[in-house]
Amino acid sequence: MSVQSVETTPTLRLFRLAEAVARFFPAGGITVRALRTEAQAGRLQIIRIANKDFVTAEAVQAMLERCKW
């Protein structure tokens, strides 16, 4: 897991995993646990701050690209 510099990404918008599930997968089928599983498999970049997990919209989009058949 790499750390992104906030200075180099001024428009960085972080979403807690539950918020990301609700925003990017409104029809369901994806859970917080599923996002953590994808991160453990190396397909989703998670940013951990104060022992809390966050993702960006770009990281979710990249995961979707990696998971295409």
C-alpha atoms as a PDB file:
ATOM      1  CA  MET A   1       0.000   0.000   0.000  1.00  0.00           C
ATOM      2  CA  SER A   2       1.510   3.322  -1.038  1.00  0.00           C
ATOM      3  CA  VAL A   3       0.879   6.702   0.530  1.00  0.00           C
ATOM      4  CA  GLN A   4      -0.277   9.577  -1.662  1.00  0.00           C
ATOM      5  CA  SER A   5       0.872  13.104  -0.996  1.00  0.00           C
ATOM      6  CA  VAL A   6      -2.038  15.435  -0.378  1.00  0.00           C
ATOM      7  CA  GLU A   7       0.119  18.302  -1.689  1.00  0.00           C
ATOM      8  CA  THR A   8       0.406  16.666  -5.116  1.00  0.00           C
ATOM      9  CA  THR A   9      -3.316  15.899  -5.345  1.00  0.00           C
ATOM     10  CA  PRO A  10      -5.145  19.054  -4.241  1.00  0.00           C
ATOM     11  CA  THR A  11      -8.570  17.751  -5.323  1.00  0.00           C
ATOM     12  CA  LEU A  12      -8.193  14.461  -3.465  1.00  0.00           C
ATOM     13  CA  ARG A  13     -11.613  13.376  -2.155  1.00  0.00           C
ATOM     14  CA  LEU A  14     -11.523  10.513   0.305  1.00  0.00           C
ATOM     15  CA  PHE A  15     -14.482   8.230   0.934  1.00  0.00           C
ATOM     16  CA  ARG A  16     -14.833   5.882   3.910  1.00  0.00           C
ATOM     17  CA  LEU A  17     -15.466   2.359   2.648  1.00  0.00           C
ATOM     18  CA  ALA A  18     -19.148   2.355   3.634  1.00  0.00           C
ATOM     19  CA  GLU A  19     -19.591   5.692   1.875  1.00  0.00           C
ATOM     20  CA  ALA A  20     -17.828   4.334  -1.230  1.00  0.00           C
ATOM     21  CA  VAL A  21     -20.134   1.300  -1.294  1.00  0.00           C
ATOM     22  CA  ALA A  22     -23.220   3.528  -1.121  1.00  0.00           C
ATOM     23  CA  ARG A  23     -21.927   6.011  -3.693  1.00  0.00           C
ATOM     24  CA  PHE A  24     -20.298   3.768  -6.296  1.00  0.00           C
ATOM     25  CA  PHE A  25     -22.417   0.603  -5.937  1.00  0.00           C
ATOM     26  CA  PRO A  26     -25.954   1.872  -5.191  1.00  0.00           C
ATOM     27  CA  ALA A  27     -27.587  -1.254  -6.630  1.00  0.00           C
ATOM     28  CA  GLY A  28     -25.822  -3.388  -4.033  1.00  0.00           C
ATOM     29  CA  GLY A  29     -23.766  -6.507  -4.513  1.00  0.00           C
ATOM     30  CA  ILE A  30     -20.582  -4.954  -3.107  1.00  0.00           C
ATOM     31  CA  THR A  31     -19.924  -4.656   0.615  1.00  0.00           C
ATOM     32  CA  VAL A  32     -17.245  -3.051   2.757  1.00  0.00           C
ATOM     33  CA  ARG A  33     -15.804  -6.537   3.237  1.00  0.00           C
ATOM     34  CA  ALA A  34     -15.668  -7.015  -0.540  1.00  0.00           C
ATOM     35  CA  LEU A  35     -13.683  -3.778  -0.921  1.00  0.00           C
ATOM     36  CA  ARG A  36     -11.254  -4.934   1.765  1.00  0.00           C
ATOM     37  CA  THR A  37     -10.912  -8.279  -0.047  1.00  0.00           C
ATOM     38  CA  GLU A  38     -10.116  -6.457  -3.292  1.00  0.00           C
ATOM     39  CA  ALA A  39      -7.504  -4.387  -1.464  1.00  0.00           C
ATOM     40  CA  GLN A  40      -5.888  -7.514   0.005  1.00  0.00           C
ATOM     41  CA  ALA A  41      -5.774  -8.987  -3.507  1.00  0.00           C
ATOM     42  CA  GLY A  42      -3.991  -5.853  -4.744  1.00  0.00           C
ATOM     43  CA  ARG A  43      -6.811  -4.602  -6.960  1.00  0.00           C
ATOM     44  CA  LEU A  44      -7.920  -1.633  -4.817  1.00  0.00           C
ATOM     45  CA  GLN A  45      -5.695   1.011  -3.288  1.00  0.00           C
ATOM     46  CA  ILE A  46      -6.810   1.900   0.226  1.00  0.00           C
ATOM     47  CA  ILE A  47      -5.505   4.879   2.180  1.00  0.00           C
ATOM     48  CA  ARG A  48      -5.353   4.219   5.924  1.00  0.00           C
ATOM     49  CA  ILE A  49      -5.422   7.224   8.244  1.00  0.00           C
ATOM     50  CA  ALA A  50      -5.757   6.831  12.013  1.00  0.00           C
ATOM     51  CA  ASN A  51      -6.643   3.163  11.505  1.00  0.00           C
ATOM     52  CA  LYS A  52      -9.565   4.134   9.253  1.00  0.00           C
ATOM     53  CA  ASP A  53      -9.750   3.046   5.612  1.00  0.00           C
ATOM     54  CA  PHE A  54     -10.490   5.421   2.746  1.00  0.00           C
ATOM     55  CA  VAL A  55     -10.600   5.153  -1.050  1.00  0.00           C
ATOM     56  CA  THR A  56     -10.735   7.671  -3.861  1.00  0.00           C
ATOM     57  CA  ALA A  57     -13.079   7.619  -6.839  1.00  0.00           C
ATOM     58  CA  GLU A  58     -10.011   7.070  -9.013  1.00  0.00           C
ATOM     59  CA  ALA A  59      -8.988   4.014  -6.978  1.00  0.00           C
ATOM     60  CA  VAL A  60     -12.471   2.517  -7.347  1.00  0.00           C
ATOM     61  CA  GLN A  61     -12.400   3.187 -11.101  1.00  0.00           C
ATOM     62  CA  ALA A  62      -8.966   1.552 -11.384  1.00  0.00           C
ATOM     63  CA  MET A  63     -10.256  -1.482  -9.456  1.00  0.00           C
ATOM     64  CA  LEU A  64     -13.190  -1.800 -11.847  1.00  0.00           C
ATOM     65  CA  GLU A  65     -10.789  -1.690 -14.816  1.00  0.00           C
ATOM     66  CA  ARG A  66      -8.624  -4.404 -13.234  1.00  0.00           C
ATOM     67  CA  CYS A  67     -11.654  -6.601 -12.603  1.00  0.00           C
ATOM     68  CA  LYS A  68     -13.037  -6.489 -16.169  1.00  0.00           C
ATOM     69  CA  TRP A  69     -13.268  -9.817 -17.964  1.00  0.00           C
END
